[in-house]
Amino acid sequence: MNHFSYDQLYRFSKDIFLAMGCPEADAETATKTLLSADMRGVDSHGVARLSGYVRLWDKKRINATPKIKIIHETPSTATIDGDAGLGLVVAPFAMKVAIEKAKVAGTGWVAVKNSNHYGIAGYHAMQALDHDMIGMSMTNASPLVSPTFSKERMLGTNPIAVAIPADKQPPFVGDFATTPAANGKLEVLQRKGENAPLGWIQNKEGQSTDDAHGVTQGGAWLPLGGDRLHGGHKGFILGSIVDIFSAVLSGANYGPWAPPFVA
């Protein structure tokens, strides 16, 4: 097994973003955001995701030089158009807007449209900690999840993250998909040639399976909780809330109309 230092991965990732045409500052932001996943042990969302961004850029679904702008705002809220920029860049911009509004109004809520995969949700929520604020971040995603009792994909893995300062103690940070695991975990199992735990996914016939390739073969993720007996309907409700907050409120693609991450 090869091992690489943070500095090596940073230089490699930044060079990739620069080669895509990102400005220096955006390449640095994207790299820092991306590698935060690896540094927190979430290897499914770090450097392993880099090739996906390149493929999206190659398909002209990522704008390397976006003009990110606020298209609607109130003292405590804003809607941002990411101009198809890297989610790794657009999301930090949005979080800064939310923090600045919270400094003035006491709370700041920002919705984003026209963006893409933004790394781990926890990184963005944690940006509020430096300001002694509670941070929340969530996003909808490509439709891979079937509702309870269904075979059709309707929602993404739709993660939620919350970061809460705790004075002199370590902050509370919760970051979780509204499915039994993030989709990247399946990709890790596929690379290792290992099976998925039962209760994670179902095959195209709607039957539970441990085949890590089940979703790519026409199956779907189960909601958090798994089947109805184990509370999967509650997981689907959580995922639906994320979809509404992230996409419906911002005017972005939602539910089964969210585009796939990898072209």
C-alpha atoms as a PDB file:
ATOM      1  CA  MET A   1       0.000   0.000   0.000  1.00  0.00           C
ATOM      2  CA  ASN A   2       1.323   3.429  -0.951  1.00  0.00           C
ATOM      3  CA  HIS A   3       1.309   6.271   1.562  1.00  0.00           C
ATOM      4  CA  PHE A   4       1.309   9.971   0.742  1.00  0.00           C
ATOM      5  CA  SER A   5       1.760  12.978   2.977  1.00  0.00           C
ATOM      6  CA  TYR A   6      -0.796  15.760   3.243  1.00  0.00           C
ATOM      7  CA  ASP A   7       1.568  18.111   1.406  1.00  0.00           C
ATOM      8  CA  GLN A   8       1.919  15.650  -1.476  1.00  0.00           C
ATOM      9  CA  LEU A   9      -1.837  15.246  -1.796  1.00  0.00           C
ATOM     10  CA  TYR A  10      -2.332  19.000  -1.487  1.00  0.00           C
ATOM     11  CA  ARG A  11       0.100  19.775  -4.304  1.00  0.00           C
ATOM     12  CA  PHE A  12      -1.315  17.011  -6.507  1.00  0.00           C
ATOM     13  CA  SER A  13      -4.954  18.043  -5.993  1.00  0.00           C
ATOM     14  CA  LYS A  14      -4.266  21.742  -6.386  1.00  0.00           C
ATOM     15  CA  ASP A  15      -2.381  21.113  -9.632  1.00  0.00           C
ATOM     16  CA  ILE A  16      -5.407  19.206 -10.963  1.00  0.00           C
ATOM     17  CA  PHE A  17      -7.765  22.076 -10.149  1.00  0.00           C
ATOM     18  CA  LEU A  18      -5.359  24.570 -11.710  1.00  0.00           C
ATOM     19  CA  ALA A  19      -5.167  22.396 -14.837  1.00  0.00           C
ATOM     20  CA  MET A  20      -8.970  22.530 -14.995  1.00  0.00           C
ATOM     21  CA  GLY A  21      -8.648  26.306 -15.205  1.00  0.00           C
ATOM     22  CA  CYS A  22      -9.525  27.279 -11.638  1.00  0.00           C
ATOM     23  CA  PRO A  23      -8.023  30.551 -10.389  1.00  0.00           C
ATOM     24  CA  GLU A  24      -5.295  30.162  -7.761  1.00  0.00           C
ATOM     25  CA  ALA A  25      -7.530  31.114  -4.830  1.00  0.00           C
ATOM     26  CA  ASP A  26     -10.324  28.777  -5.937  1.00  0.00           C
ATOM     27  CA  ALA A  27      -7.877  25.911  -6.482  1.00  0.00           C
ATOM     28  CA  GLU A  28      -6.609  26.389  -2.929  1.00  0.00           C
ATOM     29  CA  THR A  29     -10.135  26.521  -1.504  1.00  0.00           C
ATOM     30  CA  ALA A  30     -11.202  23.420  -3.443  1.00  0.00           C
ATOM     31  CA  THR A  31      -8.112  21.500  -2.357  1.00  0.00           C
ATOM     32  CA  LYS A  32      -8.501  22.414   1.307  1.00  0.00           C
ATOM     33  CA  THR A  33     -12.181  21.478   1.238  1.00  0.00           C
ATOM     34  CA  LEU A  34     -11.528  18.189  -0.562  1.00  0.00           C
ATOM     35  CA  LEU A  35      -8.683  17.051   1.694  1.00  0.00           C
ATOM     36  CA  SER A  36     -10.623  17.860   4.856  1.00  0.00           C
ATOM     37  CA  ALA A  37     -12.449  14.581   4.214  1.00  0.00           C
ATOM     38  CA  ASP A  38      -9.240  12.529   4.161  1.00  0.00           C
ATOM     39  CA  MET A  39      -7.976  14.312   7.272  1.00  0.00           C
ATOM     40  CA  ARG A  40     -11.152  13.327   9.129  1.00  0.00           C
ATOM     41  CA  GLY A  41     -10.934   9.716   7.973  1.00  0.00           C
ATOM     42  CA  VAL A  42     -13.736  10.012   5.411  1.00  0.00           C
ATOM     43  CA  ASP A  43     -11.726   8.517   2.565  1.00  0.00           C
ATOM     44  CA  SER A  44     -14.821   8.104   0.391  1.00  0.00           C
ATOM     45  CA  HIS A  45     -15.111  11.884  -0.069  1.00  0.00           C
ATOM     46  CA  GLY A  46     -11.521  13.065  -0.318  1.00  0.00           C
ATOM     47  CA  VAL A  47      -8.924  12.508  -3.032  1.00  0.00           C
ATOM     48  CA  ALA A  48     -10.937   9.472  -4.139  1.00  0.00           C
ATOM     49  CA  ARG A  49     -13.532  11.939  -5.473  1.00  0.00           C
ATOM     50  CA  LEU A  50     -11.046  13.984  -7.515  1.00  0.00           C
ATOM     51  CA  SER A  51     -11.473  12.033 -10.756  1.00  0.00           C
ATOM     52  CA  GLY A  52     -15.226  12.621 -10.603  1.00  0.00           C
ATOM     53  CA  TYR A  53     -14.750  16.389 -10.619  1.00  0.00           C
ATOM     54  CA  VAL A  54     -12.411  16.063 -13.591  1.00  0.00           C
ATOM     55  CA  ARG A  55     -14.996  14.033 -15.511  1.00  0.00           C
ATOM     56  CA  LEU A  56     -17.706  16.597 -14.760  1.00  0.00           C
ATOM     57  CA  TRP A  57     -15.391  19.367 -15.948  1.00  0.00           C
ATOM     58  CA  ASP A  58     -14.546  17.385 -19.094  1.00  0.00           C
ATOM     59  CA  LYS A  59     -18.297  17.110 -19.810  1.00  0.00           C
ATOM     60  CA  LYS A  60     -18.566  20.903 -19.344  1.00  0.00           C
ATOM     61  CA  ARG A  61     -20.774  20.492 -16.294  1.00  0.00           C
ATOM     62  CA  ILE A  62     -18.307  22.382 -14.091  1.00  0.00           C
ATOM     63  CA  ASN A  63     -17.408  26.003 -14.698  1.00  0.00           C
ATOM     64  CA  ALA A  64     -13.832  26.521 -13.496  1.00  0.00           C
ATOM     65  CA  THR A  65     -14.246  30.305 -13.361  1.00  0.00           C
ATOM     66  CA  PRO A  66     -17.747  30.852 -11.967  1.00  0.00           C
ATOM     67  CA  LYS A  67     -19.297  34.211 -11.181  1.00  0.00           C
ATOM     68  CA  ILE A  68     -20.900  33.239  -7.884  1.00  0.00           C
ATOM     69  CA  LYS A  69     -23.584  35.720  -6.922  1.00  0.00           C
ATOM     70  CA  ILE A  70     -26.390  36.387  -4.480  1.00  0.00           C
ATOM     71  CA  ILE A  71     -29.661  36.496  -6.412  1.00  0.00           C
ATOM     72  CA  HIS A  72     -31.987  37.140  -3.479  1.00  0.00           C
ATOM     73  CA  GLU A  73     -31.440  38.135   0.139  1.00  0.00           C
ATOM     74  CA  THR A  74     -32.939  39.465   3.335  1.00  0.00           C
ATOM     75  CA  PRO A  75     -31.038  40.491   6.482  1.00  0.00           C
ATOM     76  CA  SER A  76     -30.890  36.850   7.609  1.00  0.00           C
ATOM     77  CA  THR A  77     -31.275  34.817   4.393  1.00  0.00           C
ATOM     78  CA  ALA A  78     -29.844  34.547   0.897  1.00  0.00           C
ATOM     79  CA  THR A  79     -30.114  32.491  -2.260  1.00  0.00           C
ATOM     80  CA  ILE A  80     -26.898  31.985  -4.213  1.00  0.00           C
ATOM     81  CA  ASP A  81     -26.377  31.028  -7.854  1.00  0.00           C
ATOM     82  CA  GLY A  82     -23.142  29.050  -8.074  1.00  0.00           C
ATOM     83  CA  ASP A  83     -22.813  29.490 -11.867  1.00  0.00           C
ATOM     84  CA  ALA A  84     -21.999  25.754 -12.179  1.00  0.00           C
ATOM     85  CA  GLY A  85     -18.845  26.256 -10.120  1.00  0.00           C
ATOM     86  CA  LEU A  86     -17.168  23.563  -8.053  1.00  0.00           C
ATOM     87  CA  GLY A  87     -19.268  22.790  -5.010  1.00  0.00           C
ATOM     88  CA  LEU A  88     -15.952  22.734  -3.151  1.00  0.00           C
ATOM     89  CA  VAL A  89     -15.730  26.477  -3.854  1.00  0.00           C
ATOM     90  CA  VAL A  90     -19.379  27.533  -3.942  1.00  0.00           C
ATOM     91  CA  ALA A  91     -20.272  26.023  -0.562  1.00  0.00           C
ATOM     92  CA  PRO A  92     -17.500  27.827   1.387  1.00  0.00           C
ATOM     93  CA  PHE A  93     -18.656  31.080  -0.245  1.00  0.00           C
ATOM     94  CA  ALA A  94     -22.229  30.381   0.875  1.00  0.00           C
ATOM     95  CA  MET A  95     -21.134  29.550   4.412  1.00  0.00           C
ATOM     96  CA  LYS A  96     -19.233  32.835   4.663  1.00  0.00           C
ATOM     97  CA  VAL A  97     -22.380  34.697   3.627  1.00  0.00           C
ATOM     98  CA  ALA A  98     -24.398  32.829   6.271  1.00  0.00           C
ATOM     99  CA  ILE A  99     -21.828  33.613   8.970  1.00  0.00           C
ATOM    100  CA  GLU A 100     -21.721  37.313   8.106  1.00  0.00           C
ATOM    101  CA  LYS A 101     -25.506  37.512   8.232  1.00  0.00           C
ATOM    102  CA  ALA A 102     -25.554  35.716  11.577  1.00  0.00           C
ATOM    103  CA  LYS A 103     -23.109  38.261  13.002  1.00  0.00           C
ATOM    104  CA  VAL A 104     -25.626  41.009  12.249  1.00  0.00           C
ATOM    105  CA  ALA A 105     -29.041  39.359  12.454  1.00  0.00           C
ATOM    106  CA  GLY A 106     -28.300  36.584  14.940  1.00  0.00           C
ATOM    107  CA  THR A 107     -28.933  33.857  12.378  1.00  0.00           C
ATOM    108  CA  GLY A 108     -28.020  33.285   8.741  1.00  0.00           C
ATOM    109  CA  TRP A 109     -29.598  30.855   6.282  1.00  0.00           C
ATOM    110  CA  VAL A 110     -28.329  30.416   2.730  1.00  0.00           C
ATOM    111  CA  ALA A 111     -29.642  28.193  -0.070  1.00  0.00           C
ATOM    112  CA  VAL A 112     -27.606  27.393  -3.190  1.00  0.00           C
ATOM    113  CA  LYS A 113     -28.567  26.478  -6.742  1.00  0.00           C
ATOM    114  CA  ASN A 114     -26.508  25.687  -9.841  1.00  0.00           C
ATOM    115  CA  SER A 115     -23.656  23.938  -8.043  1.00  0.00           C
ATOM    116  CA  ASN A 116     -22.466  20.345  -7.562  1.00  0.00           C
ATOM    117  CA  HIS A 117     -20.818  17.882  -5.154  1.00  0.00           C
ATOM    118  CA  TYR A 118     -19.317  19.848  -2.255  1.00  0.00           C
ATOM    119  CA  GLY A 119     -17.249  17.277  -0.365  1.00  0.00           C
ATOM    120  CA  ILE A 120     -18.157  16.392   3.208  1.00  0.00           C
ATOM    121  CA  ALA A 121     -21.026  18.348   4.722  1.00  0.00           C
ATOM    122  CA  GLY A 122     -19.218  18.498   8.056  1.00  0.00           C
ATOM    123  CA  TYR A 123     -16.437  20.718   6.713  1.00  0.00           C
ATOM    124  CA  HIS A 124     -18.883  23.471   5.842  1.00  0.00           C
ATOM    125  CA  ALA A 125     -20.795  23.263   9.122  1.00  0.00           C
ATOM    126  CA  MET A 126     -17.508  23.483  11.028  1.00  0.00           C
ATOM    127  CA  GLN A 127     -16.648  26.848   9.487  1.00  0.00           C
ATOM    128  CA  ALA A 128     -19.047  28.415  11.993  1.00  0.00           C
ATOM    129  CA  LEU A 129     -17.047  27.107  14.959  1.00  0.00           C
ATOM    130  CA  ASP A 130     -14.278  29.684  14.476  1.00  0.00           C
ATOM    131  CA  HIS A 131     -16.929  32.349  15.098  1.00  0.00           C
ATOM    132  CA  ASP A 132     -18.394  30.613  18.170  1.00  0.00           C
ATOM    133  CA  MET A 133     -21.515  29.834  16.171  1.00  0.00           C
ATOM    134  CA  ILE A 134     -23.550  26.728  15.464  1.00  0.00           C
ATOM    135  CA  GLY A 135     -23.151  25.630  11.858  1.00  0.00           C
ATOM    136  CA  MET A 136     -25.483  23.492   9.777  1.00  0.00           C
ATOM    137  CA  SER A 137     -24.987  22.184   6.268  1.00  0.00           C
ATOM    138  CA  MET A 138     -26.975  19.825   4.098  1.00  0.00           C
ATOM    139  CA  THR A 139     -27.295  18.997   0.427  1.00  0.00           C
ATOM    140  CA  ASN A 140     -29.414  16.947  -1.903  1.00  0.00           C
ATOM    141  CA  ALA A 141     -27.675  14.586  -4.299  1.00  0.00           C
ATOM    142  CA  SER A 142     -28.141  12.319  -7.303  1.00  0.00           C
ATOM    143  CA  PRO A 143     -31.208  10.044  -7.000  1.00  0.00           C
ATOM    144  CA  LEU A 144     -30.011   6.710  -5.633  1.00  0.00           C
ATOM    145  CA  VAL A 145     -32.505   6.098  -2.815  1.00  0.00           C
ATOM    146  CA  SER A 146     -35.872   4.387  -3.086  1.00  0.00           C
ATOM    147  CA  PRO A 147     -38.803   5.286  -0.841  1.00  0.00           C
ATOM    148  CA  THR A 148     -39.992   2.624   1.590  1.00  0.00           C
ATOM    149  CA  PHE A 149     -41.852  -0.170  -0.285  1.00  0.00           C
ATOM    150  CA  SER A 150     -40.547   1.118  -3.633  1.00  0.00           C
ATOM    151  CA  LYS A 151     -37.971   0.209  -6.275  1.00  0.00           C
ATOM    152  CA  GLU A 152     -37.763   3.560  -8.077  1.00  0.00           C
ATOM    153  CA  ARG A 153     -34.983   5.962  -7.092  1.00  0.00           C
ATOM    154  CA  MET A 154     -36.327   9.268  -5.812  1.00  0.00           C
ATOM    155  CA  LEU A 155     -33.744  10.928  -3.527  1.00  0.00           C
ATOM    156  CA  GLY A 156     -30.011  11.180  -3.022  1.00  0.00           C
ATOM    157  CA  THR A 157     -28.057  10.126   0.059  1.00  0.00           C
ATOM    158  CA  ASN A 158     -28.728  13.721   1.214  1.00  0.00           C
ATOM    159  CA  PRO A 159     -26.334  14.328   4.140  1.00  0.00           C
ATOM    160  CA  ILE A 160     -26.886  16.554   7.162  1.00  0.00           C
ATOM    161  CA  ALA A 161     -24.096  18.073   9.264  1.00  0.00           C
ATOM    162  CA  VAL A 162     -24.263  20.092  12.473  1.00  0.00           C
ATOM    163  CA  ALA A 163     -21.310  21.631  14.325  1.00  0.00           C
ATOM    164  CA  ILE A 164     -21.803  23.080  17.815  1.00  0.00           C
ATOM    165  CA  PRO A 165     -19.099  24.858  19.849  1.00  0.00           C
ATOM    166  CA  ALA A 166     -18.590  23.598  23.396  1.00  0.00           C
ATOM    167  CA  ASP A 167     -16.475  26.272  25.095  1.00  0.00           C
ATOM    168  CA  LYS A 168     -13.266  24.593  26.308  1.00  0.00           C
ATOM    169  CA  GLN A 169     -14.382  21.120  25.296  1.00  0.00           C
ATOM    170  CA  PRO A 170     -14.112  19.683  21.770  1.00  0.00           C
ATOM    171  CA  PRO A 171     -17.038  20.783  19.601  1.00  0.00           C
ATOM    172  CA  PHE A 172     -19.913  18.470  18.817  1.00  0.00           C
ATOM    173  CA  VAL A 173     -19.810  17.603  15.118  1.00  0.00           C
ATOM    174  CA  GLY A 174     -22.363  15.292  13.529  1.00  0.00           C
ATOM    175  CA  ASP A 175     -22.162  14.512   9.815  1.00  0.00           C
ATOM    176  CA  PHE A 176     -24.276  11.723   8.364  1.00  0.00           C
ATOM    177  CA  ALA A 177     -26.033  10.597   5.211  1.00  0.00           C
ATOM    178  CA  THR A 178     -29.767   9.965   5.376  1.00  0.00           C
ATOM    179  CA  THR A 179     -28.987   6.463   4.124  1.00  0.00           C
ATOM    180  CA  PRO A 180     -27.202   3.697   6.090  1.00  0.00           C
ATOM    181  CA  ALA A 181     -23.902   4.958   4.618  1.00  0.00           C
ATOM    182  CA  ALA A 182     -22.637   7.421   2.028  1.00  0.00           C
ATOM    183  CA  ASN A 183     -22.526   6.190  -1.570  1.00  0.00           C
ATOM    184  CA  GLY A 184     -18.752   6.553  -1.560  1.00  0.00           C
ATOM    185  CA  LYS A 185     -18.604   3.736   0.990  1.00  0.00           C
ATOM    186  CA  LEU A 186     -19.952   1.368  -1.661  1.00  0.00           C
ATOM    187  CA  GLU A 187     -17.249   2.517  -4.047  1.00  0.00           C
ATOM    188  CA  VAL A 188     -14.628   1.723  -1.403  1.00  0.00           C
ATOM    189  CA  LEU A 189     -16.096  -1.779  -0.969  1.00  0.00           C
ATOM    190  CA  GLN A 190     -16.132  -2.260  -4.741  1.00  0.00           C
ATOM    191  CA  ARG A 191     -12.446  -1.366  -4.970  1.00  0.00           C
ATOM    192  CA  LYS A 192     -11.663  -3.811  -2.161  1.00  0.00           C
ATOM    193  CA  GLY A 193     -13.820  -6.560  -3.662  1.00  0.00           C
ATOM    194  CA  GLU A 194     -15.887  -6.794  -0.472  1.00  0.00           C
ATOM    195  CA  ASN A 195     -19.620  -7.236   0.108  1.00  0.00           C
ATOM    196  CA  ALA A 196     -21.943  -4.586   1.489  1.00  0.00           C
ATOM    197  CA  PRO A 197     -23.696  -5.136   4.828  1.00  0.00           C
ATOM    198  CA  LEU A 198     -27.258  -6.364   4.448  1.00  0.00           C
ATOM    199  CA  GLY A 199     -29.714  -3.537   5.015  1.00  0.00           C
ATOM    200  CA  TRP A 200     -27.747  -0.964   3.026  1.00  0.00           C
ATOM    201  CA  ILE A 201     -29.079  -1.489  -0.494  1.00  0.00           C
ATOM    202  CA  GLN A 202     -31.584  -3.432  -2.567  1.00  0.00           C
ATOM    203  CA  ASN A 203     -31.320  -4.961  -6.029  1.00  0.00           C
ATOM    204  CA  LYS A 204     -33.419  -3.953  -9.030  1.00  0.00           C
ATOM    205  CA  GLU A 205     -36.144  -6.363  -7.887  1.00  0.00           C
ATOM    206  CA  GLY A 206     -36.392  -4.519  -4.579  1.00  0.00           C
ATOM    207  CA  GLN A 207     -34.783  -7.307  -2.548  1.00  0.00           C
ATOM    208  CA  SER A 208     -32.074  -6.657   0.041  1.00  0.00           C
ATOM    209  CA  THR A 209     -28.621  -7.583  -1.254  1.00  0.00           C
ATOM    210  CA  ASP A 210     -25.015  -7.590  -0.071  1.00  0.00           C
ATOM    211  CA  ASP A 211     -23.627  -7.139  -3.595  1.00  0.00           C
ATOM    212  CA  ALA A 212     -21.642  -3.887  -3.450  1.00  0.00           C
ATOM    213  CA  HIS A 213     -22.415  -3.398  -7.160  1.00  0.00           C
ATOM    214  CA  GLY A 214     -26.163  -3.643  -6.562  1.00  0.00           C
ATOM    215  CA  VAL A 215     -26.873   0.061  -7.066  1.00  0.00           C
ATOM    216  CA  THR A 216     -24.842   0.315 -10.277  1.00  0.00           C
ATOM    217  CA  GLN A 217     -26.727  -2.742 -11.552  1.00  0.00           C
ATOM    218  CA  GLY A 218     -30.108  -1.039 -11.281  1.00  0.00           C
ATOM    219  CA  GLY A 219     -30.781  -1.323  -7.570  1.00  0.00           C
ATOM    220  CA  ALA A 220     -31.044   1.457  -5.016  1.00  0.00           C
ATOM    221  CA  TRP A 221     -29.991   2.582  -1.576  1.00  0.00           C
ATOM    222  CA  LEU A 222     -32.398   2.029   1.278  1.00  0.00           C
ATOM    223  CA  PRO A 223     -33.185   5.053   3.474  1.00  0.00           C
ATOM    224  CA  LEU A 224     -31.514   5.394   6.869  1.00  0.00           C
ATOM    225  CA  GLY A 225     -32.949   2.594   8.997  1.00  0.00           C
ATOM    226  CA  GLY A 226     -33.292   0.190   6.080  1.00  0.00           C
ATOM    227  CA  ASP A 227     -36.697  -1.415   5.632  1.00  0.00           C
ATOM    228  CA  ARG A 228     -40.039  -0.343   7.123  1.00  0.00           C
ATOM    229  CA  LEU A 229     -39.661  -2.653  10.124  1.00  0.00           C
ATOM    230  CA  HIS A 230     -36.430  -0.903  11.122  1.00  0.00           C
ATOM    231  CA  GLY A 231     -37.648   2.653  10.554  1.00  0.00           C
ATOM    232  CA  GLY A 232     -36.584   3.250   6.965  1.00  0.00           C
ATOM    233  CA  HIS A 233     -39.628   5.447   6.401  1.00  0.00           C
ATOM    234  CA  LYS A 234     -38.207   7.890   8.965  1.00  0.00           C
ATOM    235  CA  GLY A 235     -34.911   7.967   7.089  1.00  0.00           C
ATOM    236  CA  PHE A 236     -36.778   8.778   3.896  1.00  0.00           C
ATOM    237  CA  ILE A 237     -38.537  11.645   5.671  1.00  0.00           C
ATOM    238  CA  LEU A 238     -35.157  13.041   6.755  1.00  0.00           C
ATOM    239  CA  GLY A 239     -33.852  12.780   3.195  1.00  0.00           C
ATOM    240  CA  SER A 240     -36.961  14.532   1.888  1.00  0.00           C
ATOM    241  CA  ILE A 241     -36.481  17.405   4.332  1.00  0.00           C
ATOM    242  CA  VAL A 242     -32.909  17.852   3.091  1.00  0.00           C
ATOM    243  CA  ASP A 243     -34.118  17.823  -0.510  1.00  0.00           C
ATOM    244  CA  ILE A 244     -36.706  20.517   0.214  1.00  0.00           C
ATOM    245  CA  PHE A 245     -34.327  22.744   2.183  1.00  0.00           C
ATOM    246  CA  SER A 246     -31.442  22.350  -0.274  1.00  0.00           C
ATOM    247  CA  ALA A 247     -33.116  22.292  -3.662  1.00  0.00           C
ATOM    248  CA  VAL A 248     -36.786  23.245  -3.607  1.00  0.00           C
ATOM    249  CA  LEU A 249     -36.149  26.437  -1.619  1.00  0.00           C
ATOM    250  CA  SER A 250     -33.259  27.483  -3.867  1.00  0.00           C
ATOM    251  CA  GLY A 251     -34.905  26.586  -7.172  1.00  0.00           C
ATOM    252  CA  ALA A 252     -32.368  23.839  -7.915  1.00  0.00           C
ATOM    253  CA  ASN A 253     -33.015  20.399  -9.401  1.00  0.00           C
ATOM    254  CA  TYR A 254     -34.559  18.176  -6.750  1.00  0.00           C
ATOM    255  CA  GLY A 255     -35.581  14.578  -6.154  1.00  0.00           C
ATOM    256  CA  PRO A 256     -35.278  12.351  -9.238  1.00  0.00           C
ATOM    257  CA  TRP A 257     -34.298  15.362 -11.383  1.00  0.00           C
ATOM    258  CA  ALA A 258     -30.978  16.006  -9.630  1.00  0.00           C
ATOM    259  CA  PRO A 259     -28.195  15.254 -12.151  1.00  0.00           C
ATOM    260  CA  PRO A 260     -25.667  12.473 -11.478  1.00  0.00           C
ATOM    261  CA  PHE A 261     -22.356  13.392  -9.845  1.00  0.00           C
ATOM    262  CA  VAL A 262     -20.154  11.506 -12.299  1.00  0.00           C
ATOM    263  CA  ALA A 263     -20.917  12.071 -15.973  1.00  0.00           C
END
